[in-house]
Amino acid sequence: MAITDLRKDDFYLAILRLLDTLGGSAAIEERLVAEFAFSDADLAATYEKSGWLIVPDKLSWSRSYLKLAGLLANERRGVWVLTDSGREALAGGEAMIRPLVAEAIRAYNLRRKEASIAAQAEPDPLPALPTAAQEEAGDTGDWRDALLAALRTMDPTGFERLCQRLLRESGFVKVEVTGKSGDGGIDGVGVLRMNLISFQVLFQCKRYAGSVSSPTVRDFRGAMQGRADEGLIITTGSFTADARREATRDGAPAIDLVDGELLCELLKDKGLGVSVREILTEEVAIDGAFFASI
């Protein structure tokens, strides 16, 4: 089956089964990639219009829909938990899982429609689930999507300067952008100081919409040989499974990888181009028994 033909419900059973196998909770993105034996070409495939990666997008929405149905929960970022309802659905197989998710989506859209009518054209209290067309266009309304779109419109020099500032904010000292052509992809160098120990780190910045592959990691490692203790590759895209394996290969200098999702979180944590406004809400309930007793 072609990657573009995969539907979100093709992943429902695999996600629940994998979590059950792993003891009920896990960070499952890479395990799912291995489960479906996706190739680097599969992982690099993008939607024709938007350029967004197809496999990570469909996996992400599959998990979101399973959560909406109460079959999954994610109590902290990146870690998914199989709920009791999820275990019951898993026992029933796809014949039970797919109708449960479809009903949850239908009920959600109905609640949203009722809330919109009640609010008389005020902003919807419930966010809309994206339509297939919106997903294909990459229009999910997520702040990370908007941030990545902004990062990808930056010129290469500006993006390198942003990465330089992010590293400084993260504890690096003497961070310099070199930007030399023909230097094995090395864009800069910094010193990471940890208590009494300092490490020389070479970094590379890639404004990608697709995936960084394993040859890129190997070439970068070759360029840093004898010049640094650690390597760091920062991208607005993602890394293929082979690239991640290459980065942690035994006997080779370590290379840390920062993909687009992690980059967004780091920029948010450091307040670089991202501001966070907390909204406090109240839930008020009327105690009828109190008034009846007066």
C-alpha atoms as a PDB file:
ATOM      1  CA  MET A   1       0.000   0.000   0.000  1.00  0.00           C
ATOM      2  CA  ALA A   2       1.294   3.455  -0.920  1.00  0.00           C
ATOM      3  CA  ILE A   3       2.026   5.821   1.957  1.00  0.00           C
ATOM      4  CA  THR A   4      -0.538   8.301   0.627  1.00  0.00           C
ATOM      5  CA  ASP A   5      -3.199   5.556   0.761  1.00  0.00           C
ATOM      6  CA  LEU A   6      -2.712   4.874   4.469  1.00  0.00           C
ATOM      7  CA  ARG A   7      -5.644   5.961   6.606  1.00  0.00           C
ATOM      8  CA  LYS A   8      -5.509   6.998  10.232  1.00  0.00           C
ATOM      9  CA  ASP A   9      -7.585   4.003  11.268  1.00  0.00           C
ATOM     10  CA  ASP A  10      -4.896   1.747   9.775  1.00  0.00           C
ATOM     11  CA  PHE A  11      -2.804   2.700  12.821  1.00  0.00           C
ATOM     12  CA  TYR A  12      -5.433   2.371  15.584  1.00  0.00           C
ATOM     13  CA  LEU A  13      -4.971  -1.315  16.353  1.00  0.00           C
ATOM     14  CA  ALA A  14      -1.176  -1.172  15.954  1.00  0.00           C
ATOM     15  CA  ILE A  15      -0.886   1.718  18.429  1.00  0.00           C
ATOM     16  CA  LEU A  16      -3.018   0.020  21.093  1.00  0.00           C
ATOM     17  CA  ARG A  17      -1.325  -3.343  20.593  1.00  0.00           C
ATOM     18  CA  LEU A  18       2.159  -1.810  20.823  1.00  0.00           C
ATOM     19  CA  LEU A  19       1.351   0.019  24.046  1.00  0.00           C
ATOM     20  CA  ASP A  20      -0.065  -3.172  25.523  1.00  0.00           C
ATOM     21  CA  THR A  21       3.120  -5.033  24.569  1.00  0.00           C
ATOM     22  CA  LEU A  22       5.255  -2.315  26.190  1.00  0.00           C
ATOM     23  CA  GLY A  23       3.415  -2.565  29.497  1.00  0.00           C
ATOM     24  CA  GLY A  24       0.726   0.048  28.954  1.00  0.00           C
ATOM     25  CA  SER A  25       2.784   3.230  28.570  1.00  0.00           C
ATOM     26  CA  ALA A  26       5.657   4.346  26.356  1.00  0.00           C
ATOM     27  CA  ALA A  27       7.017   6.899  23.923  1.00  0.00           C
ATOM     28  CA  ILE A  28       5.997   5.023  20.804  1.00  0.00           C
ATOM     29  CA  GLU A  29       6.830   7.105  17.714  1.00  0.00           C
ATOM     30  CA  GLU A  30      10.006   5.249  16.727  1.00  0.00           C
ATOM     31  CA  ARG A  31       8.569   1.859  17.703  1.00  0.00           C
ATOM     32  CA  LEU A  32       5.606   2.471  15.380  1.00  0.00           C
ATOM     33  CA  VAL A  33       7.978   3.331  12.558  1.00  0.00           C
ATOM     34  CA  ALA A  34       9.753   0.013  13.100  1.00  0.00           C
ATOM     35  CA  GLU A  35       6.427  -1.835  13.450  1.00  0.00           C
ATOM     36  CA  PHE A  36       5.325  -0.769   9.972  1.00  0.00           C
ATOM     37  CA  ALA A  37       8.846  -1.177   8.532  1.00  0.00           C
ATOM     38  CA  PHE A  38       8.762   2.273   6.965  1.00  0.00           C
ATOM     39  CA  SER A  39      11.755   3.008   4.764  1.00  0.00           C
ATOM     40  CA  ASP A  40      13.629   6.307   4.722  1.00  0.00           C
ATOM     41  CA  ALA A  41      11.762   7.114   1.496  1.00  0.00           C
ATOM     42  CA  ASP A  42       8.428   6.461   3.231  1.00  0.00           C
ATOM     43  CA  LEU A  43       9.368   8.731   6.123  1.00  0.00           C
ATOM     44  CA  ALA A  44      10.492  11.465   3.742  1.00  0.00           C
ATOM     45  CA  ALA A  45       7.229  11.385   1.731  1.00  0.00           C
ATOM     46  CA  THR A  46       5.271  14.640   1.947  1.00  0.00           C
ATOM     47  CA  TYR A  47       1.841  15.916   0.946  1.00  0.00           C
ATOM     48  CA  GLU A  48       2.004  17.438  -2.517  1.00  0.00           C
ATOM     49  CA  LYS A  49       0.476  20.803  -1.572  1.00  0.00           C
ATOM     50  CA  SER A  50       1.756  21.505   1.908  1.00  0.00           C
ATOM     51  CA  GLY A  51       5.085  19.677   2.002  1.00  0.00           C
ATOM     52  CA  TRP A  52       4.244  18.220   5.426  1.00  0.00           C
ATOM     53  CA  LEU A  53       5.513  14.723   6.224  1.00  0.00           C
ATOM     54  CA  ILE A  54       2.760  12.150   5.700  1.00  0.00           C
ATOM     55  CA  VAL A  55       3.684   9.358   8.135  1.00  0.00           C
ATOM     56  CA  PRO A  56       4.289  11.513  11.265  1.00  0.00           C
ATOM     57  CA  ASP A  57       1.107  13.478  10.476  1.00  0.00           C
ATOM     58  CA  LYS A  58      -1.096  10.385  10.230  1.00  0.00           C
ATOM     59  CA  LEU A  59       0.472   8.793  13.315  1.00  0.00           C
ATOM     60  CA  SER A  60      -0.093  11.985  15.289  1.00  0.00           C
ATOM     61  CA  TRP A  61      -3.749  12.276  14.325  1.00  0.00           C
ATOM     62  CA  SER A  62      -4.310   8.561  14.974  1.00  0.00           C
ATOM     63  CA  ARG A  63      -3.143   9.043  18.561  1.00  0.00           C
ATOM     64  CA  SER A  64      -5.259  12.185  18.918  1.00  0.00           C
ATOM     65  CA  TYR A  65      -8.408  10.373  17.779  1.00  0.00           C
ATOM     66  CA  LEU A  66      -7.722   7.424  20.074  1.00  0.00           C
ATOM     67  CA  LYS A  67      -7.333   9.885  22.933  1.00  0.00           C
ATOM     68  CA  LEU A  68     -10.608  11.574  21.987  1.00  0.00           C
ATOM     69  CA  ALA A  69     -12.289   8.171  22.267  1.00  0.00           C
ATOM     70  CA  GLY A  70     -10.763   7.635  25.720  1.00  0.00           C
ATOM     71  CA  LEU A  71      -8.632   4.716  24.571  1.00  0.00           C
ATOM     72  CA  LEU A  72      -5.340   6.559  25.131  1.00  0.00           C
ATOM     73  CA  ALA A  73      -4.110   9.254  27.500  1.00  0.00           C
ATOM     74  CA  ASN A  74      -0.908  11.276  27.550  1.00  0.00           C
ATOM     75  CA  GLU A  75      -0.181  12.557  31.026  1.00  0.00           C
ATOM     76  CA  ARG A  76       3.158  14.030  29.997  1.00  0.00           C
ATOM     77  CA  ARG A  77       4.593  15.063  26.652  1.00  0.00           C
ATOM     78  CA  GLY A  78       5.616  12.219  24.374  1.00  0.00           C
ATOM     79  CA  VAL A  79       4.471   9.387  26.666  1.00  0.00           C
ATOM     80  CA  TRP A  80       1.185   7.663  25.839  1.00  0.00           C
ATOM     81  CA  VAL A  81      -0.808   5.494  28.214  1.00  0.00           C
ATOM     82  CA  LEU A  82      -3.238   2.707  27.351  1.00  0.00           C
ATOM     83  CA  THR A  83      -6.439   3.257  29.344  1.00  0.00           C
ATOM     84  CA  ASP A  84      -8.757   0.563  30.719  1.00  0.00           C
ATOM     85  CA  SER A  85     -11.171   1.384  27.897  1.00  0.00           C
ATOM     86  CA  GLY A  86      -8.296   0.985  25.472  1.00  0.00           C
ATOM     87  CA  ARG A  87      -7.556  -2.503  26.807  1.00  0.00           C
ATOM     88  CA  GLU A  88     -11.214  -3.489  26.444  1.00  0.00           C
ATOM     89  CA  ALA A  89     -11.277  -2.152  22.882  1.00  0.00           C
ATOM     90  CA  LEU A  90      -8.037  -3.963  22.068  1.00  0.00           C
ATOM     91  CA  ALA A  91      -9.620  -7.235  23.155  1.00  0.00           C
ATOM     92  CA  GLY A  92     -12.453  -6.552  20.699  1.00  0.00           C
ATOM     93  CA  GLY A  93     -10.113  -5.828  17.809  1.00  0.00           C
ATOM     94  CA  GLU A  94     -10.645  -3.454  14.897  1.00  0.00           C
ATOM     95  CA  ALA A  95     -14.342  -4.282  14.759  1.00  0.00           C
ATOM     96  CA  MET A  96     -14.694  -2.597  18.151  1.00  0.00           C
ATOM     97  CA  ILE A  97     -12.012   0.095  17.923  1.00  0.00           C
ATOM     98  CA  ARG A  98     -13.014   1.826  14.691  1.00  0.00           C
ATOM     99  CA  PRO A  99     -16.707   2.357  15.614  1.00  0.00           C
ATOM    100  CA  LEU A 100     -15.678   3.691  19.049  1.00  0.00           C
ATOM    101  CA  VAL A 101     -13.384   6.292  17.508  1.00  0.00           C
ATOM    102  CA  ALA A 102     -15.900   7.231  14.818  1.00  0.00           C
ATOM    103  CA  GLU A 103     -18.603   7.724  17.454  1.00  0.00           C
ATOM    104  CA  ALA A 104     -16.278   9.847  19.608  1.00  0.00           C
ATOM    105  CA  ILE A 105     -15.529  12.126  16.642  1.00  0.00           C
ATOM    106  CA  ARG A 106     -19.238  12.366  15.773  1.00  0.00           C
ATOM    107  CA  ALA A 107     -20.163  13.221  19.374  1.00  0.00           C
ATOM    108  CA  TYR A 108     -17.376  15.783  19.585  1.00  0.00           C
ATOM    109  CA  ASN A 109     -18.508  17.560  16.435  1.00  0.00           C
ATOM    110  CA  LEU A 110     -22.106  17.504  17.687  1.00  0.00           C
ATOM    111  CA  ARG A 111     -21.099  19.077  21.023  1.00  0.00           C
ATOM    112  CA  ARG A 112     -19.148  21.715  19.176  1.00  0.00           C
ATOM    113  CA  LYS A 113     -22.094  22.510  16.926  1.00  0.00           C
ATOM    114  CA  GLU A 114     -24.445  22.795  19.921  1.00  0.00           C
ATOM    115  CA  ALA A 115     -21.968  25.001  21.774  1.00  0.00           C
ATOM    116  CA  SER A 116     -21.649  27.272  18.750  1.00  0.00           C
ATOM    117  CA  ILE A 117     -25.410  27.666  18.469  1.00  0.00           C
ATOM    118  CA  ALA A 118     -25.727  28.352  22.205  1.00  0.00           C
ATOM    119  CA  ALA A 119     -23.013  30.971  22.027  1.00  0.00           C
ATOM    120  CA  GLN A 120     -24.867  32.699  19.145  1.00  0.00           C
ATOM    121  CA  ALA A 121     -21.906  33.129  16.857  1.00  0.00           C
ATOM    122  CA  GLU A 122     -19.443  33.758  19.699  1.00  0.00           C
ATOM    123  CA  PRO A 123     -16.078  31.944  19.312  1.00  0.00           C
ATOM    124  CA  ASP A 124     -16.499  28.198  19.675  1.00  0.00           C
ATOM    125  CA  PRO A 125     -15.705  26.879  23.177  1.00  0.00           C
ATOM    126  CA  LEU A 126     -14.508  23.666  21.534  1.00  0.00           C
ATOM    127  CA  PRO A 127     -11.843  23.673  18.816  1.00  0.00           C
ATOM    128  CA  ALA A 128     -12.792  22.093  15.518  1.00  0.00           C
ATOM    129  CA  LEU A 129     -11.251  18.813  14.555  1.00  0.00           C
ATOM    130  CA  PRO A 130      -9.421  19.346  11.275  1.00  0.00           C
ATOM    131  CA  THR A 131     -11.076  18.220   8.073  1.00  0.00           C
ATOM    132  CA  ALA A 132      -9.190  15.993   5.677  1.00  0.00           C
ATOM    133  CA  ALA A 133      -8.586  18.991   3.434  1.00  0.00           C
ATOM    134  CA  GLN A 134      -7.208  21.046   6.312  1.00  0.00           C
ATOM    135  CA  GLU A 135      -4.877  18.245   7.348  1.00  0.00           C
ATOM    136  CA  GLU A 136      -3.659  17.786   3.767  1.00  0.00           C
ATOM    137  CA  ALA A 137      -2.888  21.505   3.667  1.00  0.00           C
ATOM    138  CA  GLY A 138      -1.156  21.352   7.020  1.00  0.00           C
ATOM    139  CA  ASP A 139      -3.751  23.710   8.530  1.00  0.00           C
ATOM    140  CA  THR A 140      -4.234  22.103  11.952  1.00  0.00           C
ATOM    141  CA  GLY A 141      -4.197  25.314  13.971  1.00  0.00           C
ATOM    142  CA  ASP A 142      -1.418  24.045  16.229  1.00  0.00           C
ATOM    143  CA  TRP A 143       1.042  26.711  17.425  1.00  0.00           C
ATOM    144  CA  ARG A 144       3.946  24.468  16.470  1.00  0.00           C
ATOM    145  CA  ASP A 145       2.773  24.407  12.847  1.00  0.00           C
ATOM    146  CA  ALA A 146       2.676  28.201  12.753  1.00  0.00           C
ATOM    147  CA  LEU A 147       6.100  28.459  14.384  1.00  0.00           C
ATOM    148  CA  LEU A 148       7.698  25.946  12.016  1.00  0.00           C
ATOM    149  CA  ALA A 149       6.175  27.766   9.045  1.00  0.00           C
ATOM    150  CA  ALA A 150       7.766  31.005  10.297  1.00  0.00           C
ATOM    151  CA  LEU A 151      11.133  29.327  10.841  1.00  0.00           C
ATOM    152  CA  ARG A 152      11.128  27.882   7.335  1.00  0.00           C
ATOM    153  CA  THR A 153      10.612  31.331   5.814  1.00  0.00           C
ATOM    154  CA  MET A 154      13.748  32.691   7.519  1.00  0.00           C
ATOM    155  CA  ASP A 155      16.856  33.119   5.410  1.00  0.00           C
ATOM    156  CA  PRO A 156      19.638  30.620   6.232  1.00  0.00           C
ATOM    157  CA  THR A 157      21.804  33.235   7.964  1.00  0.00           C
ATOM    158  CA  GLY A 158      18.936  34.374  10.177  1.00  0.00           C
ATOM    159  CA  PHE A 159      18.126  30.797  11.136  1.00  0.00           C
ATOM    160  CA  GLU A 160      21.765  30.191  12.066  1.00  0.00           C
ATOM    161  CA  ARG A 161      21.718  33.297  14.278  1.00  0.00           C
ATOM    162  CA  LEU A 162      18.530  32.063  15.945  1.00  0.00           C
ATOM    163  CA  CYS A 163      20.163  28.704  16.694  1.00  0.00           C
ATOM    164  CA  GLN A 164      23.191  30.559  18.037  1.00  0.00           C
ATOM    165  CA  ARG A 165      21.001  32.525  20.436  1.00  0.00           C
ATOM    166  CA  LEU A 166      19.096  29.402  21.483  1.00  0.00           C
ATOM    167  CA  LEU A 167      22.368  27.674  22.367  1.00  0.00           C
ATOM    168  CA  ARG A 168      23.502  30.691  24.379  1.00  0.00           C
ATOM    169  CA  GLU A 169      20.206  30.716  26.258  1.00  0.00           C
ATOM    170  CA  SER A 170      20.668  26.978  26.916  1.00  0.00           C
ATOM    171  CA  GLY A 171      24.026  27.311  28.679  1.00  0.00           C
ATOM    172  CA  PHE A 172      26.539  27.431  25.835  1.00  0.00           C
ATOM    173  CA  VAL A 173      29.372  29.960  25.933  1.00  0.00           C
ATOM    174  CA  LYS A 174      31.531  31.313  23.093  1.00  0.00           C
ATOM    175  CA  VAL A 175      28.967  30.343  20.482  1.00  0.00           C
ATOM    176  CA  GLU A 176      30.122  31.337  17.011  1.00  0.00           C
ATOM    177  CA  VAL A 177      28.479  30.917  13.626  1.00  0.00           C
ATOM    178  CA  THR A 178      31.099  30.048  11.029  1.00  0.00           C
ATOM    179  CA  GLY A 179      28.990  29.429   7.944  1.00  0.00           C
ATOM    180  CA  LYS A 180      31.992  28.328   5.919  1.00  0.00           C
ATOM    181  CA  SER A 181      31.191  26.626   2.644  1.00  0.00           C
ATOM    182  CA  GLY A 182      32.783  23.248   2.069  1.00  0.00           C
ATOM    183  CA  ASP A 183      33.227  22.631   5.786  1.00  0.00           C
ATOM    184  CA  GLY A 184      31.275  19.378   5.963  1.00  0.00           C
ATOM    185  CA  GLY A 185      28.045  21.157   6.863  1.00  0.00           C
ATOM    186  CA  ILE A 186      29.415  22.669  10.070  1.00  0.00           C
ATOM    187  CA  ASP A 187      27.608  25.957  10.722  1.00  0.00           C
ATOM    188  CA  GLY A 188      29.048  26.886  14.082  1.00  0.00           C
ATOM    189  CA  VAL A 189      30.913  25.988  17.224  1.00  0.00           C
ATOM    190  CA  GLY A 190      30.169  26.473  20.894  1.00  0.00           C
ATOM    191  CA  VAL A 191      31.363  25.470  24.329  1.00  0.00           C
ATOM    192  CA  LEU A 192      28.929  23.814  26.703  1.00  0.00           C
ATOM    193  CA  ARG A 193      29.965  24.339  30.308  1.00  0.00           C
ATOM    194  CA  MET A 194      28.679  21.868  32.900  1.00  0.00           C
ATOM    195  CA  ASN A 195      29.941  22.658  36.394  1.00  0.00           C
ATOM    196  CA  LEU A 196      33.751  22.280  36.179  1.00  0.00           C
ATOM    197  CA  ILE A 197      33.769  20.550  32.768  1.00  0.00           C
ATOM    198  CA  SER A 198      33.474  22.125  29.319  1.00  0.00           C
ATOM    199  CA  PHE A 199      32.734  20.424  25.993  1.00  0.00           C
ATOM    200  CA  GLN A 200      33.530  21.672  22.509  1.00  0.00           C
ATOM    201  CA  VAL A 201      30.407  21.248  20.365  1.00  0.00           C
ATOM    202  CA  LEU A 202      30.042  21.674  16.611  1.00  0.00           C
ATOM    203  CA  PHE A 203      26.541  22.302  15.308  1.00  0.00           C
ATOM    204  CA  GLN A 204      24.673  22.219  12.036  1.00  0.00           C
ATOM    205  CA  CYS A 205      21.417  24.057  11.238  1.00  0.00           C
ATOM    206  CA  LYS A 206      19.002  22.751   8.618  1.00  0.00           C
ATOM    207  CA  ARG A 207      15.850  24.583   7.565  1.00  0.00           C
ATOM    208  CA  TYR A 208      14.122  21.455   6.240  1.00  0.00           C
ATOM    209  CA  ALA A 209      10.490  20.580   5.636  1.00  0.00           C
ATOM    210  CA  GLY A 210      11.425  16.932   5.098  1.00  0.00           C
ATOM    211  CA  SER A 211      13.647  14.455   6.895  1.00  0.00           C
ATOM    212  CA  VAL A 212      17.378  14.555   7.582  1.00  0.00           C
ATOM    213  CA  SER A 213      18.836  11.223   6.458  1.00  0.00           C
ATOM    214  CA  SER A 214      21.670   9.060   7.774  1.00  0.00           C
ATOM    215  CA  PRO A 215      24.273  10.164   5.151  1.00  0.00           C
ATOM    216  CA  THR A 216      23.932  13.726   6.456  1.00  0.00           C
ATOM    217  CA  VAL A 217      24.703  12.530   9.984  1.00  0.00           C
ATOM    218  CA  ARG A 218      27.673  10.473   8.782  1.00  0.00           C
ATOM    219  CA  ASP A 219      29.103  13.377   6.773  1.00  0.00           C
ATOM    220  CA  PHE A 220      28.725  15.700   9.738  1.00  0.00           C
ATOM    221  CA  ARG A 221      30.478  13.224  12.021  1.00  0.00           C
ATOM    222  CA  GLY A 222      33.315  12.927   9.539  1.00  0.00           C
ATOM    223  CA  ALA A 223      33.722  16.707   9.453  1.00  0.00           C
ATOM    224  CA  MET A 224      33.849  16.970  13.255  1.00  0.00           C
ATOM    225  CA  GLN A 225      36.427  14.202  13.782  1.00  0.00           C
ATOM    226  CA  GLY A 226      39.277  15.504  15.941  1.00  0.00           C
ATOM    227  CA  ARG A 227      37.703  18.955  16.197  1.00  0.00           C
ATOM    228  CA  ALA A 228      35.024  18.587  18.901  1.00  0.00           C
ATOM    229  CA  ASP A 229      33.760  16.410  21.735  1.00  0.00           C
ATOM    230  CA  GLU A 230      30.121  16.447  20.671  1.00  0.00           C
ATOM    231  CA  GLY A 231      27.997  17.238  17.633  1.00  0.00           C
ATOM    232  CA  LEU A 232      24.528  18.770  17.360  1.00  0.00           C
ATOM    233  CA  ILE A 233      22.169  18.907  14.364  1.00  0.00           C
ATOM    234  CA  ILE A 234      19.154  21.225  14.568  1.00  0.00           C
ATOM    235  CA  THR A 235      16.398  21.003  11.961  1.00  0.00           C
ATOM    236  CA  THR A 236      12.892  22.338  11.400  1.00  0.00           C
ATOM    237  CA  GLY A 237      12.045  18.958   9.887  1.00  0.00           C
ATOM    238  CA  SER A 238      12.568  15.474  11.291  1.00  0.00           C
ATOM    239  CA  PHE A 239      15.131  12.686  11.306  1.00  0.00           C
ATOM    240  CA  THR A 240      14.733   9.324   9.643  1.00  0.00           C
ATOM    241  CA  ALA A 241      15.007   6.194  11.772  1.00  0.00           C
ATOM    242  CA  ASP A 242      18.372   5.402  10.153  1.00  0.00           C
ATOM    243  CA  ALA A 243      19.627   8.911  10.954  1.00  0.00           C
ATOM    244  CA  ARG A 244      18.729   8.459  14.637  1.00  0.00           C
ATOM    245  CA  ARG A 245      20.482   5.092  14.725  1.00  0.00           C
ATOM    246  CA  GLU A 246      23.553   6.591  13.061  1.00  0.00           C
ATOM    247  CA  ALA A 247      23.648   9.433  15.599  1.00  0.00           C
ATOM    248  CA  THR A 248      23.930   6.957  18.487  1.00  0.00           C
ATOM    249  CA  ARG A 249      26.072   4.317  16.771  1.00  0.00           C
ATOM    250  CA  ASP A 250      28.392   2.452  19.150  1.00  0.00           C
ATOM    251  CA  GLY A 251      32.023   3.453  18.948  1.00  0.00           C
ATOM    252  CA  ALA A 252      31.368   6.721  17.136  1.00  0.00           C
ATOM    253  CA  PRO A 253      31.327  10.288  18.547  1.00  0.00           C
ATOM    254  CA  ALA A 254      27.876  11.147  19.840  1.00  0.00           C
ATOM    255  CA  ILE A 255      25.656  13.496  17.849  1.00  0.00           C
ATOM    256  CA  ASP A 256      22.551  14.969  19.465  1.00  0.00           C
ATOM    257  CA  LEU A 257      19.516  15.595  17.269  1.00  0.00           C
ATOM    258  CA  VAL A 258      16.960  18.389  17.658  1.00  0.00           C
ATOM    259  CA  ASP A 259      13.965  17.959  15.348  1.00  0.00           C
ATOM    260  CA  GLY A 260      11.260  20.491  14.565  1.00  0.00           C
ATOM    261  CA  GLU A 261       8.972  19.488  17.422  1.00  0.00           C
ATOM    262  CA  LEU A 262      11.731  19.693  20.039  1.00  0.00           C
ATOM    263  CA  LEU A 263      12.984  22.957  18.525  1.00  0.00           C
ATOM    264  CA  CYS A 264       9.526  24.478  19.004  1.00  0.00           C
ATOM    265  CA  GLU A 265       9.457  23.426  22.643  1.00  0.00           C
ATOM    266  CA  LEU A 266      12.949  24.833  23.269  1.00  0.00           C
ATOM    267  CA  LEU A 267      12.042  28.193  21.691  1.00  0.00           C
ATOM    268  CA  LYS A 268       8.872  28.268  23.787  1.00  0.00           C
ATOM    269  CA  ASP A 269      10.758  27.446  26.998  1.00  0.00           C
ATOM    270  CA  LYS A 270      13.300  30.212  26.324  1.00  0.00           C
ATOM    271  CA  GLY A 271      10.703  32.735  25.149  1.00  0.00           C
ATOM    272  CA  LEU A 272      12.433  33.225  21.800  1.00  0.00           C
ATOM    273  CA  GLY A 273       9.777  34.392  19.360  1.00  0.00           C
ATOM    274  CA  VAL A 274       7.089  32.610  21.383  1.00  0.00           C
ATOM    275  CA  SER A 275       4.992  34.119  24.163  1.00  0.00           C
ATOM    276  CA  VAL A 276       2.683  32.210  26.476  1.00  0.00           C
ATOM    277  CA  ARG A 277      -0.398  33.729  28.082  1.00  0.00           C
ATOM    278  CA  GLU A 278      -2.040  31.744  30.857  1.00  0.00           C
ATOM    279  CA  ILE A 279      -5.839  31.765  30.894  1.00  0.00           C
ATOM    280  CA  LEU A 280      -7.601  31.069  34.182  1.00  0.00           C
ATOM    281  CA  THR A 281     -11.158  29.747  34.088  1.00  0.00           C
ATOM    282  CA  GLU A 282     -13.798  29.059  36.730  1.00  0.00           C
ATOM    283  CA  GLU A 283     -16.261  26.207  36.912  1.00  0.00           C
ATOM    284  CA  VAL A 284     -19.298  27.271  38.944  1.00  0.00           C
ATOM    285  CA  ALA A 285     -21.909  24.793  40.183  1.00  0.00           C
ATOM    286  CA  ILE A 286     -25.168  25.625  41.947  1.00  0.00           C
ATOM    287  CA  ASP A 287     -25.941  23.679  45.145  1.00  0.00           C
ATOM    288  CA  GLY A 288     -29.705  23.229  45.005  1.00  0.00           C
ATOM    289  CA  ALA A 289     -29.771  21.405  48.322  1.00  0.00           C
ATOM    290  CA  PHE A 290     -28.308  24.482  50.050  1.00  0.00           C
ATOM    291  CA  PHE A 291     -31.118  26.759  48.880  1.00  0.00           C
ATOM    292  CA  ALA A 292     -33.758  24.158  49.698  1.00  0.00           C
ATOM    293  CA  SER A 293     -32.505  23.985  53.291  1.00  0.00           C
ATOM    294  CA  ILE A 294     -32.781  27.743  53.939  1.00  0.00           C
END
